[in-house]
Amino acid sequence: MTPKRRKSIMKKSINHIYLIILLSVLSSVAPMGIDTYIPSIPDIASALNVGIEKIELSLSVFLIGFSIGQVFGGPISDRYGRRKSSIIGLLGYSFFSFMIIFSSGIYELWFYRFCEAFFGGIVVVNAAAAVRDRFHGEEAAKIFSLIGIVRSIAPLLAPAIGAFIIHFYSWESIFIFLTVYSLLVALW
């Protein structure tokens, strides 16, 4: 193998690793949005003067918004491109994560969580579509497996991150974290 060929293979491997990490982080936006705020449910319930069950219902609202975001995210990313729709999704996710801080009632919280999840769904569907665009067959299966492995770390870490944040700060800080997290991913 010539040095030029070896360098080309090495560069391709590094690009694949970078892409796998980026797509894994994109795919983990929704798990972070779900699992990070779970430790703050009692605090949010007392802040909004509602029962815990109403705050727990925001998880269902999030999942509905997330599913609808995925349904619309595919055609949006096909029309406007993966990168542009991912950035739009991340910015929308970030905006509505930030707006949750200002929720004064349960319906407002549900609305913001739905919108946050909708944009999160757009982001996640783009990550899968980007793999299908670049890889085929067995190589695509390997990339999906690697993304799944890396992405599975998010649901493990997110509740611990949420508990750490809620231990030192108020529940609003979790949504500030989600805002900053999605903005950093958008910049990346």
N, C-alpha and C. Protein backbone atom coordinates (compact mmCIF):
# COMPACT_ATOMS: atom_id res chain seq x y z
N MET A 1 0.85 -1.17 0.00
CA MET A 1 0.00 0.00 0.00
C MET A 1 0.90 1.23 0.00
N THR A 2 0.58 2.14 -0.87
CA THR A 2 1.39 3.35 -0.99
C THR A 2 1.06 4.31 0.15
N PRO A 3 2.01 5.17 0.50
CA PRO A 3 1.75 6.15 1.57
C PRO A 3 0.56 7.07 1.25
N LYS A 4 0.39 7.41 -0.01
CA LYS A 4 -0.72 8.28 -0.40
C LYS A 4 -2.06 7.58 -0.16
N ARG A 5 -2.15 6.30 -0.52
CA ARG A 5 -3.37 5.50 -0.31
C ARG A 5 -3.66 5.34 1.18
N ARG A 6 -2.61 5.06 1.96
CA ARG A 6 -2.77 4.90 3.41
C ARG A 6 -3.28 6.20 4.03
N LYS A 7 -2.75 7.32 3.58
CA LYS A 7 -3.19 8.63 4.11
C LYS A 7 -4.65 8.89 3.75
N SER A 8 -5.06 8.49 2.55
CA SER A 8 -6.44 8.66 2.11
C SER A 8 -7.39 7.82 2.96
N ILE A 9 -7.01 6.58 3.24
CA ILE A 9 -7.83 5.70 4.08
C ILE A 9 -7.92 6.25 5.50
N MET A 10 -6.80 6.74 6.02
CA MET A 10 -6.77 7.29 7.37
C MET A 10 -7.67 8.52 7.47
N LYS A 11 -7.60 9.39 6.45
CA LYS A 11 -8.44 10.60 6.45
C LYS A 11 -9.92 10.22 6.39
N LYS A 12 -10.25 9.21 5.58
CA LYS A 12 -11.63 8.76 5.45
C LYS A 12 -12.14 8.20 6.78
N SER A 13 -11.31 7.44 7.49
CA SER A 13 -11.69 6.89 8.80
C SER A 13 -11.94 7.99 9.81
N ILE A 14 -11.09 9.00 9.83
CA ILE A 14 -11.27 10.11 10.76
C ILE A 14 -12.56 10.86 10.44
N ASN A 15 -12.83 11.07 9.15
CA ASN A 15 -14.07 11.73 8.76
C ASN A 15 -15.29 10.91 9.18
N HIS A 16 -15.21 9.59 9.06
CA HIS A 16 -16.31 8.72 9.49
C HIS A 16 -16.52 8.83 10.98
N ILE A 17 -15.45 8.86 11.75
CA ILE A 17 -15.57 8.97 13.21
C ILE A 17 -16.21 10.30 13.58
N TYR A 18 -15.76 11.37 12.95
CA TYR A 18 -16.34 12.70 13.20
C TYR A 18 -17.82 12.69 12.86
N LEU A 19 -18.18 12.12 11.71
CA LEU A 19 -19.57 12.06 11.27
C LEU A 19 -20.40 11.22 12.23
N ILE A 20 -19.87 10.09 12.66
CA ILE A 20 -20.60 9.22 13.60
C ILE A 20 -20.87 9.94 14.90
N ILE A 21 -19.87 10.65 15.41
CA ILE A 21 -20.06 11.39 16.66
C ILE A 21 -21.08 12.50 16.48
N LEU A 22 -20.97 13.24 15.38
CA LEU A 22 -21.92 14.33 15.11
C LEU A 22 -23.34 13.80 14.98
N LEU A 23 -23.52 12.74 14.22
CA LEU A 23 -24.87 12.18 14.03
C LEU A 23 -25.40 11.58 15.34
N SER A 24 -24.52 11.03 16.15
CA SER A 24 -24.93 10.50 17.46
C SER A 24 -25.41 11.62 18.37
N VAL A 25 -24.69 12.73 18.35
CA VAL A 25 -25.09 13.88 19.17
C VAL A 25 -26.41 14.44 18.67
N LEU A 26 -26.58 14.51 17.35
CA LEU A 26 -27.86 14.96 16.79
C LEU A 26 -28.99 14.03 17.22
N SER A 27 -28.74 12.74 17.18
CA SER A 27 -29.76 11.76 17.57
C SER A 27 -30.07 11.80 19.06
N SER A 28 -29.16 12.31 19.85
CA SER A 28 -29.37 12.31 21.30
C SER A 28 -30.10 13.55 21.80
N VAL A 29 -30.47 14.45 20.91
CA VAL A 29 -31.18 15.67 21.33
C VAL A 29 -32.48 15.32 22.05
N ALA A 30 -33.25 14.41 21.48
CA ALA A 30 -34.53 14.05 22.10
C ALA A 30 -34.36 13.30 23.42
N PRO A 31 -33.49 12.29 23.50
CA PRO A 31 -33.30 11.65 24.81
C PRO A 31 -32.84 12.64 25.89
N MET A 32 -32.02 13.58 25.49
CA MET A 32 -31.59 14.60 26.47
C MET A 32 -32.79 15.44 26.91
N GLY A 33 -33.66 15.77 25.98
CA GLY A 33 -34.84 16.57 26.30
C GLY A 33 -35.83 15.83 27.18
N ILE A 34 -35.87 14.52 27.07
CA ILE A 34 -36.79 13.73 27.88
C ILE A 34 -36.19 13.44 29.26
N ASP A 35 -35.01 12.86 29.25
CA ASP A 35 -34.45 12.32 30.49
C ASP A 35 -33.81 13.35 31.41
N THR A 36 -33.37 14.47 30.87
CA THR A 36 -32.72 15.47 31.72
C THR A 36 -33.71 16.13 32.66
N TYR A 37 -34.93 16.33 32.22
CA TYR A 37 -35.87 17.08 33.06
C TYR A 37 -36.65 16.20 34.05
N ILE A 38 -36.54 14.90 33.94
CA ILE A 38 -37.30 14.01 34.83
C ILE A 38 -37.03 14.29 36.32
N PRO A 39 -35.78 14.51 36.74
CA PRO A 39 -35.57 14.79 38.17
C PRO A 39 -36.22 16.10 38.66
N SER A 40 -36.57 16.98 37.73
CA SER A 40 -37.14 18.27 38.13
C SER A 40 -38.67 18.27 38.15
N ILE A 41 -39.31 17.15 37.86
CA ILE A 41 -40.77 17.10 37.78
C ILE A 41 -41.44 17.61 39.07
N PRO A 42 -41.02 17.17 40.26
CA PRO A 42 -41.67 17.70 41.47
C PRO A 42 -41.50 19.21 41.63
N ASP A 43 -40.33 19.72 41.27
CA ASP A 43 -40.09 21.17 41.38
C ASP A 43 -40.94 21.96 40.40
N ILE A 44 -41.09 21.44 39.19
CA ILE A 44 -41.91 22.13 38.20
C ILE A 44 -43.38 22.11 38.64
N ALA A 45 -43.82 20.98 39.19
CA ALA A 45 -45.21 20.87 39.66
C ALA A 45 -45.49 21.89 40.76
N SER A 46 -44.58 22.03 41.69
CA SER A 46 -44.81 23.00 42.77
C SER A 46 -44.69 24.44 42.26
N ALA A 47 -43.81 24.68 41.30
CA ALA A 47 -43.67 26.03 40.75
C ALA A 47 -44.91 26.46 39.97
N LEU A 48 -45.55 25.52 39.29
CA LEU A 48 -46.75 25.84 38.51
C LEU A 48 -48.04 25.57 39.27
N ASN A 49 -47.92 25.12 40.53
CA ASN A 49 -49.08 24.82 41.38
C ASN A 49 -50.04 23.82 40.75
N VAL A 50 -49.48 22.72 40.25
CA VAL A 50 -50.28 21.64 39.68
C VAL A 50 -49.79 20.32 40.25
N GLY A 51 -50.58 19.28 40.03
CA GLY A 51 -50.17 17.95 40.47
C GLY A 51 -49.05 17.40 39.59
N ILE A 52 -48.29 16.50 40.17
CA ILE A 52 -47.17 15.90 39.43
C ILE A 52 -47.66 15.20 38.16
N GLU A 53 -48.87 14.63 38.22
CA GLU A 53 -49.37 13.91 37.05
C GLU A 53 -49.52 14.82 35.83
N LYS A 54 -49.79 16.11 36.05
CA LYS A 54 -49.91 17.04 34.92
C LYS A 54 -48.54 17.33 34.31
N ILE A 55 -47.53 17.37 35.14
CA ILE A 55 -46.17 17.57 34.62
C ILE A 55 -45.70 16.29 33.93
N GLU A 56 -46.07 15.14 34.49
CA GLU A 56 -45.71 13.87 33.84
C GLU A 56 -46.37 13.75 32.48
N LEU A 57 -47.54 14.34 32.33
CA LEU A 57 -48.22 14.33 31.04
C LEU A 57 -47.42 15.08 29.97
N SER A 58 -46.58 16.01 30.41
CA SER A 58 -45.75 16.73 29.44
C SER A 58 -44.78 15.78 28.73
N LEU A 59 -44.49 14.64 29.33
CA LEU A 59 -43.67 13.63 28.66
C LEU A 59 -44.42 13.05 27.46
N SER A 60 -45.70 12.76 27.64
CA SER A 60 -46.52 12.28 26.53
C SER A 60 -46.66 13.35 25.44
N VAL A 61 -46.85 14.58 25.87
CA VAL A 61 -46.94 15.69 24.91
C VAL A 61 -45.64 15.79 24.12
N PHE A 62 -44.52 15.63 24.81
CA PHE A 62 -43.21 15.66 24.16
C PHE A 62 -43.11 14.55 23.11
N LEU A 63 -43.51 13.35 23.48
CA LEU A 63 -43.40 12.22 22.55
C LEU A 63 -44.30 12.39 21.33
N ILE A 64 -45.49 12.97 21.53
CA ILE A 64 -46.38 13.24 20.40
C ILE A 64 -45.75 14.27 19.46
N GLY A 65 -45.24 15.35 20.04
CA GLY A 65 -44.57 16.38 19.23
C GLY A 65 -43.35 15.84 18.51
N PHE A 66 -42.62 14.96 19.18
CA PHE A 66 -41.43 14.35 18.61
C PHE A 66 -41.79 13.49 17.40
N SER A 67 -42.87 12.71 17.53
CA SER A 67 -43.29 11.85 16.41
C SER A 67 -43.75 12.69 15.23
N ILE A 68 -44.52 13.72 15.49
CA ILE A 68 -45.00 14.57 14.40
C ILE A 68 -43.83 15.29 13.74
N GLY A 69 -42.85 15.71 14.56
CA GLY A 69 -41.65 16.35 14.00
C GLY A 69 -40.89 15.43 13.07
N GLN A 70 -40.86 14.15 13.40
CA GLN A 70 -40.18 13.19 12.52
C GLN A 70 -40.94 13.01 11.21
N VAL A 71 -42.27 13.00 11.30
CA VAL A 71 -43.08 12.84 10.09
C VAL A 71 -42.85 14.01 9.13
N PHE A 72 -42.82 15.23 9.66
CA PHE A 72 -42.61 16.40 8.82
C PHE A 72 -41.13 16.64 8.53
N GLY A 73 -40.26 16.16 9.40
CA GLY A 73 -38.83 16.39 9.25
C GLY A 73 -38.24 15.77 7.99
N GLY A 74 -38.73 14.59 7.62
CA GLY A 74 -38.22 13.93 6.42
C GLY A 74 -38.43 14.77 5.17
N PRO A 75 -39.68 15.16 4.87
CA PRO A 75 -39.90 15.99 3.67
C PRO A 75 -39.19 17.35 3.74
N ILE A 76 -39.12 17.92 4.94
CA ILE A 76 -38.43 19.21 5.08
C ILE A 76 -36.96 19.06 4.73
N SER A 77 -36.33 17.99 5.26
CA SER A 77 -34.90 17.80 4.98
C SER A 77 -34.66 17.40 3.54
N ASP A 78 -35.61 16.70 2.91
CA ASP A 78 -35.46 16.37 1.49
C ASP A 78 -35.53 17.63 0.63
N ARG A 79 -36.38 18.54 1.04
CA ARG A 79 -36.56 19.77 0.24
C ARG A 79 -35.45 20.79 0.47
N TYR A 80 -35.05 21.00 1.73
CA TYR A 80 -34.11 22.08 2.04
C TYR A 80 -32.70 21.60 2.37
N GLY A 81 -32.50 20.30 2.45
CA GLY A 81 -31.17 19.77 2.74
C GLY A 81 -31.04 19.38 4.20
N ARG A 82 -30.16 18.42 4.45
CA ARG A 82 -29.98 17.87 5.80
C ARG A 82 -29.39 18.91 6.75
N ARG A 83 -28.38 19.59 6.29
CA ARG A 83 -27.68 20.55 7.16
C ARG A 83 -28.60 21.71 7.57
N LYS A 84 -29.26 22.30 6.59
CA LYS A 84 -30.11 23.46 6.86
C LYS A 84 -31.28 23.08 7.76
N SER A 85 -31.93 21.94 7.48
CA SER A 85 -33.07 21.56 8.31
C SER A 85 -32.62 21.12 9.71
N SER A 86 -31.41 20.55 9.83
CA SER A 86 -30.89 20.21 11.16
C SER A 86 -30.65 21.47 11.98
N ILE A 87 -30.08 22.48 11.33
CA ILE A 87 -29.83 23.74 12.04
C ILE A 87 -31.14 24.41 12.42
N ILE A 88 -32.11 24.41 11.53
CA ILE A 88 -33.43 24.97 11.85
C ILE A 88 -34.05 24.20 13.02
N GLY A 89 -33.97 22.88 12.97
CA GLY A 89 -34.50 22.05 14.06
C GLY A 89 -33.81 22.34 15.38
N LEU A 90 -32.50 22.47 15.36
CA LEU A 90 -31.75 22.75 16.60
C LEU A 90 -32.07 24.14 17.14
N LEU A 91 -32.19 25.11 16.25
CA LEU A 91 -32.52 26.47 16.70
C LEU A 91 -33.94 26.53 17.27
N GLY A 92 -34.89 25.83 16.60
CA GLY A 92 -36.25 25.78 17.13
C GLY A 92 -36.30 25.06 18.47
N TYR A 93 -35.59 23.95 18.57
CA TYR A 93 -35.51 23.20 19.83
C TYR A 93 -34.93 24.09 20.93
N SER A 94 -33.88 24.81 20.59
CA SER A 94 -33.25 25.70 21.56
C SER A 94 -34.19 26.82 22.00
N PHE A 95 -34.87 27.43 21.03
CA PHE A 95 -35.79 28.53 21.34
C PHE A 95 -36.90 28.07 22.29
N PHE A 96 -37.54 26.94 21.98
CA PHE A 96 -38.65 26.49 22.82
C PHE A 96 -38.16 25.91 24.15
N SER A 97 -36.95 25.39 24.19
CA SER A 97 -36.38 24.98 25.48
C SER A 97 -36.23 26.21 26.37
N PHE A 98 -35.79 27.30 25.77
CA PHE A 98 -35.64 28.54 26.52
C PHE A 98 -36.99 29.11 26.94
N MET A 99 -37.98 29.02 26.08
CA MET A 99 -39.30 29.56 26.40
C MET A 99 -39.97 28.82 27.56
N ILE A 100 -39.62 27.55 27.76
CA ILE A 100 -40.20 26.77 28.86
C ILE A 100 -39.91 27.43 30.19
N ILE A 101 -38.78 28.10 30.29
CA ILE A 101 -38.39 28.77 31.53
C ILE A 101 -39.46 29.79 31.95
N PHE A 102 -40.11 30.39 30.97
CA PHE A 102 -41.09 31.45 31.25
C PHE A 102 -42.52 30.93 31.34
N SER A 103 -42.70 29.63 31.38
CA SER A 103 -44.04 29.05 31.48
C SER A 103 -44.70 29.49 32.78
N SER A 104 -45.91 30.02 32.66
CA SER A 104 -46.64 30.44 33.85
C SER A 104 -47.79 29.51 34.19
N GLY A 105 -48.06 28.56 33.30
CA GLY A 105 -49.13 27.61 33.54
C GLY A 105 -48.85 26.29 32.83
N ILE A 106 -49.64 25.30 33.15
CA ILE A 106 -49.41 23.96 32.62
C ILE A 106 -49.64 23.89 31.11
N TYR A 107 -50.64 24.60 30.61
CA TYR A 107 -50.93 24.55 29.17
C TYR A 107 -49.81 25.21 28.37
N GLU A 108 -49.27 26.25 28.93
CA GLU A 108 -48.13 26.90 28.29
C GLU A 108 -46.93 25.97 28.26
N LEU A 109 -46.68 25.27 29.36
CA LEU A 109 -45.60 24.29 29.42
C LEU A 109 -45.81 23.20 28.37
N TRP A 110 -47.03 22.68 28.29
CA TRP A 110 -47.33 21.63 27.31
C TRP A 110 -47.08 22.13 25.89
N PHE A 111 -47.52 23.34 25.61
CA PHE A 111 -47.34 23.89 24.26
C PHE A 111 -45.86 24.01 23.92
N TYR A 112 -45.07 24.56 24.84
CA TYR A 112 -43.64 24.71 24.59
C TYR A 112 -42.93 23.37 24.47
N ARG A 113 -43.33 22.41 25.30
CA ARG A 113 -42.72 21.07 25.21
C ARG A 113 -43.07 20.41 23.87
N PHE A 114 -44.30 20.60 23.41
CA PHE A 114 -44.70 20.06 22.11
C PHE A 114 -43.84 20.66 21.01
N CYS A 115 -43.70 21.98 21.00
CA CYS A 115 -42.92 22.66 19.96
C CYS A 115 -41.44 22.27 20.04
N GLU A 116 -40.92 22.19 21.25
CA GLU A 116 -39.54 21.77 21.46
C GLU A 116 -39.33 20.38 20.85
N ALA A 117 -40.24 19.48 21.13
CA ALA A 117 -40.15 18.11 20.64
C ALA A 117 -40.32 18.04 19.13
N PHE A 118 -41.20 18.86 18.58
CA PHE A 118 -41.41 18.89 17.13
C PHE A 118 -40.09 19.19 16.42
N PHE A 119 -39.40 20.22 16.89
CA PHE A 119 -38.12 20.57 16.28
C PHE A 119 -37.06 19.51 16.57
N GLY A 120 -37.12 18.89 17.74
CA GLY A 120 -36.22 17.78 18.04
C GLY A 120 -36.42 16.61 17.10
N GLY A 121 -37.67 16.35 16.72
CA GLY A 121 -37.96 15.29 15.77
C GLY A 121 -37.36 15.56 14.40
N ILE A 122 -37.37 16.81 14.00
CA ILE A 122 -36.75 17.19 12.73
C ILE A 122 -35.26 16.88 12.76
N VAL A 123 -34.63 17.18 13.88
CA VAL A 123 -33.18 16.95 14.03
C VAL A 123 -32.87 15.46 13.95
N VAL A 124 -33.61 14.66 14.69
CA VAL A 124 -33.31 13.23 14.78
C VAL A 124 -33.52 12.53 13.43
N VAL A 125 -34.56 12.89 12.71
CA VAL A 125 -34.80 12.24 11.42
C VAL A 125 -33.70 12.59 10.42
N ASN A 126 -33.10 13.76 10.57
CA ASN A 126 -32.00 14.15 9.68
C ASN A 126 -30.76 13.31 9.92
N ALA A 127 -30.52 12.94 11.15
CA ALA A 127 -29.35 12.12 11.45
C ALA A 127 -29.45 10.78 10.73
N ALA A 128 -30.61 10.16 10.79
CA ALA A 128 -30.79 8.87 10.11
C ALA A 128 -30.73 9.05 8.59
N ALA A 129 -31.31 10.11 8.09
CA ALA A 129 -31.30 10.35 6.65
C ALA A 129 -29.89 10.61 6.13
N ALA A 130 -29.07 11.28 6.93
CA ALA A 130 -27.69 11.56 6.53
C ALA A 130 -26.90 10.26 6.37
N VAL A 131 -27.17 9.28 7.21
CA VAL A 131 -26.49 7.99 7.08
C VAL A 131 -26.93 7.31 5.78
N ARG A 132 -28.23 7.32 5.53
CA ARG A 132 -28.73 6.69 4.30
C ARG A 132 -28.22 7.39 3.05
N ASP A 133 -27.95 8.68 3.13
CA ASP A 133 -27.42 9.42 1.98
C ASP A 133 -25.98 9.02 1.66
N ARG A 134 -25.20 8.78 2.69
CA ARG A 134 -23.76 8.58 2.50
C ARG A 134 -23.31 7.12 2.45
N PHE A 135 -24.06 6.24 3.09
CA PHE A 135 -23.62 4.86 3.19
C PHE A 135 -24.72 3.92 2.69
N HIS A 136 -24.29 2.73 2.25
CA HIS A 136 -25.25 1.77 1.72
C HIS A 136 -24.89 0.37 2.21
N GLY A 137 -25.91 -0.47 2.28
CA GLY A 137 -25.71 -1.87 2.59
C GLY A 137 -25.09 -2.13 3.95
N GLU A 138 -24.07 -2.97 3.93
CA GLU A 138 -23.42 -3.40 5.16
C GLU A 138 -22.74 -2.23 5.89
N GLU A 139 -22.17 -1.31 5.11
CA GLU A 139 -21.51 -0.16 5.73
C GLU A 139 -22.52 0.72 6.47
N ALA A 140 -23.70 0.92 5.89
CA ALA A 140 -24.75 1.70 6.56
C ALA A 140 -25.18 1.02 7.85
N ALA A 141 -25.30 -0.31 7.82
CA ALA A 141 -25.68 -1.04 9.03
C ALA A 141 -24.64 -0.86 10.13
N LYS A 142 -23.37 -0.88 9.75
CA LYS A 142 -22.30 -0.67 10.74
C LYS A 142 -22.37 0.74 11.33
N ILE A 143 -22.60 1.72 10.47
CA ILE A 143 -22.68 3.12 10.95
C ILE A 143 -23.88 3.28 11.87
N PHE A 144 -25.03 2.72 11.51
CA PHE A 144 -26.21 2.80 12.38
C PHE A 144 -25.93 2.13 13.72
N SER A 145 -25.21 1.02 13.71
CA SER A 145 -24.87 0.33 14.97
C SER A 145 -23.97 1.19 15.84
N LEU A 146 -22.97 1.80 15.22
CA LEU A 146 -22.07 2.66 15.98
C LEU A 146 -22.80 3.88 16.55
N ILE A 147 -23.67 4.47 15.73
CA ILE A 147 -24.46 5.61 16.21
C ILE A 147 -25.35 5.17 17.37
N GLY A 148 -25.95 4.00 17.25
CA GLY A 148 -26.79 3.47 18.33
C GLY A 148 -26.02 3.27 19.62
N ILE A 149 -24.80 2.78 19.51
CA ILE A 149 -23.97 2.58 20.70
C ILE A 149 -23.65 3.91 21.35
N VAL A 150 -23.19 4.87 20.54
CA VAL A 150 -22.84 6.18 21.10
C VAL A 150 -24.09 6.88 21.63
N ARG A 151 -25.20 6.79 20.87
CA ARG A 151 -26.44 7.46 21.26
C ARG A 151 -27.03 6.88 22.54
N SER A 152 -26.76 5.62 22.81
CA SER A 152 -27.32 4.98 24.02
C SER A 152 -26.71 5.55 25.30
N ILE A 153 -25.65 6.28 25.17
CA ILE A 153 -25.04 6.91 26.34
C ILE A 153 -25.90 8.06 26.86
N ALA A 154 -26.59 8.75 25.95
CA ALA A 154 -27.40 9.92 26.34
C ALA A 154 -28.47 9.59 27.37
N PRO A 155 -29.30 8.55 27.17
CA PRO A 155 -30.31 8.25 28.19
C PRO A 155 -29.71 7.79 29.53
N LEU A 156 -28.47 7.34 29.49
CA LEU A 156 -27.81 6.95 30.74
C LEU A 156 -27.30 8.17 31.50
N LEU A 157 -26.75 9.13 30.76
CA LEU A 157 -26.16 10.31 31.39
C LEU A 157 -27.19 11.40 31.71
N ALA A 158 -28.23 11.51 30.89
CA ALA A 158 -29.18 12.62 31.02
C ALA A 158 -29.83 12.73 32.40
N PRO A 159 -30.35 11.65 33.00
CA PRO A 159 -30.94 11.81 34.34
C PRO A 159 -29.91 12.24 35.39
N ALA A 160 -28.69 11.76 35.25
CA ALA A 160 -27.64 12.17 36.19
C ALA A 160 -27.31 13.65 36.02
N ILE A 161 -27.27 14.10 34.77
CA ILE A 161 -27.02 15.53 34.51
C ILE A 161 -28.16 16.36 35.09
N GLY A 162 -29.41 15.90 34.84
CA GLY A 162 -30.57 16.61 35.37
C GLY A 162 -30.57 16.65 36.90
N ALA A 163 -30.24 15.53 37.53
CA ALA A 163 -30.19 15.48 39.00
C ALA A 163 -29.09 16.39 39.54
N PHE A 164 -27.96 16.42 38.86
CA PHE A 164 -26.86 17.30 39.28
C PHE A 164 -27.29 18.76 39.19
N ILE A 165 -27.91 19.12 38.07
CA ILE A 165 -28.34 20.51 37.87
C ILE A 165 -29.39 20.88 38.91
N ILE A 166 -30.38 20.02 39.12
CA ILE A 166 -31.47 20.33 40.04
C ILE A 166 -31.00 20.38 41.49
N HIS A 167 -29.92 19.66 41.79
CA HIS A 167 -29.36 19.69 43.15
C HIS A 167 -28.80 21.07 43.49
N PHE A 168 -28.21 21.72 42.51
CA PHE A 168 -27.57 23.01 42.78
C PHE A 168 -28.38 24.21 42.30
N TYR A 169 -29.27 24.02 41.36
CA TYR A 169 -29.99 25.14 40.77
C TYR A 169 -31.48 24.82 40.70
N SER A 170 -32.25 25.77 40.18
CA SER A 170 -33.70 25.58 40.05
C SER A 170 -34.01 24.78 38.79
N TRP A 171 -35.28 24.39 38.64
CA TRP A 171 -35.70 23.59 37.50
C TRP A 171 -35.48 24.30 36.17
N GLU A 172 -35.52 25.62 36.18
CA GLU A 172 -35.31 26.38 34.95
C GLU A 172 -33.92 26.14 34.37
N SER A 173 -32.97 25.84 35.24
CA SER A 173 -31.59 25.61 34.80
C SER A 173 -31.47 24.41 33.87
N ILE A 174 -32.34 23.43 34.04
CA ILE A 174 -32.31 22.26 33.15
C ILE A 174 -32.64 22.68 31.73
N PHE A 175 -33.60 23.58 31.59
CA PHE A 175 -33.97 24.02 30.24
C PHE A 175 -32.95 25.01 29.69
N ILE A 176 -32.25 25.71 30.56
CA ILE A 176 -31.11 26.52 30.09
C ILE A 176 -30.02 25.58 29.57
N PHE A 177 -29.78 24.49 30.28
CA PHE A 177 -28.81 23.50 29.82
C PHE A 177 -29.21 22.95 28.45
N LEU A 178 -30.49 22.60 28.27
CA LEU A 178 -30.95 22.07 26.98
C LEU A 178 -30.83 23.11 25.87
N THR A 179 -31.06 24.38 26.22
CA THR A 179 -30.90 25.46 25.25
C THR A 179 -29.45 25.57 24.80
N VAL A 180 -28.55 25.60 25.77
CA VAL A 180 -27.12 25.73 25.46
C VAL A 180 -26.63 24.49 24.71
N TYR A 181 -27.07 23.32 25.14
CA TYR A 181 -26.67 22.06 24.51
C TYR A 181 -27.03 22.09 23.02
N SER A 182 -28.28 22.43 22.71
CA SER A 182 -28.71 22.42 21.30
C SER A 182 -28.03 23.53 20.50
N LEU A 183 -27.76 24.66 21.12
CA LEU A 183 -27.03 25.71 20.40
C LEU A 183 -25.61 25.28 20.08
N LEU A 184 -24.96 24.63 21.03
CA LEU A 184 -23.59 24.15 20.77
C LEU A 184 -23.57 23.10 19.66
N VAL A 185 -24.57 22.23 19.65
CA VAL A 185 -24.66 21.23 18.57
C VAL A 185 -24.89 21.94 17.23
N ALA A 186 -25.72 22.98 17.23
CA ALA A 186 -25.97 23.73 16.00
C ALA A 186 -24.69 24.40 15.49
N LEU A 187 -23.91 24.92 16.42
CA LEU A 187 -22.65 25.56 16.02
C LEU A 187 -21.65 24.54 15.49
N TRP A 188 -21.69 23.33 16.06
CA TRP A 188 -20.79 22.27 15.65
C TRP A 188 -21.10 21.85 14.24
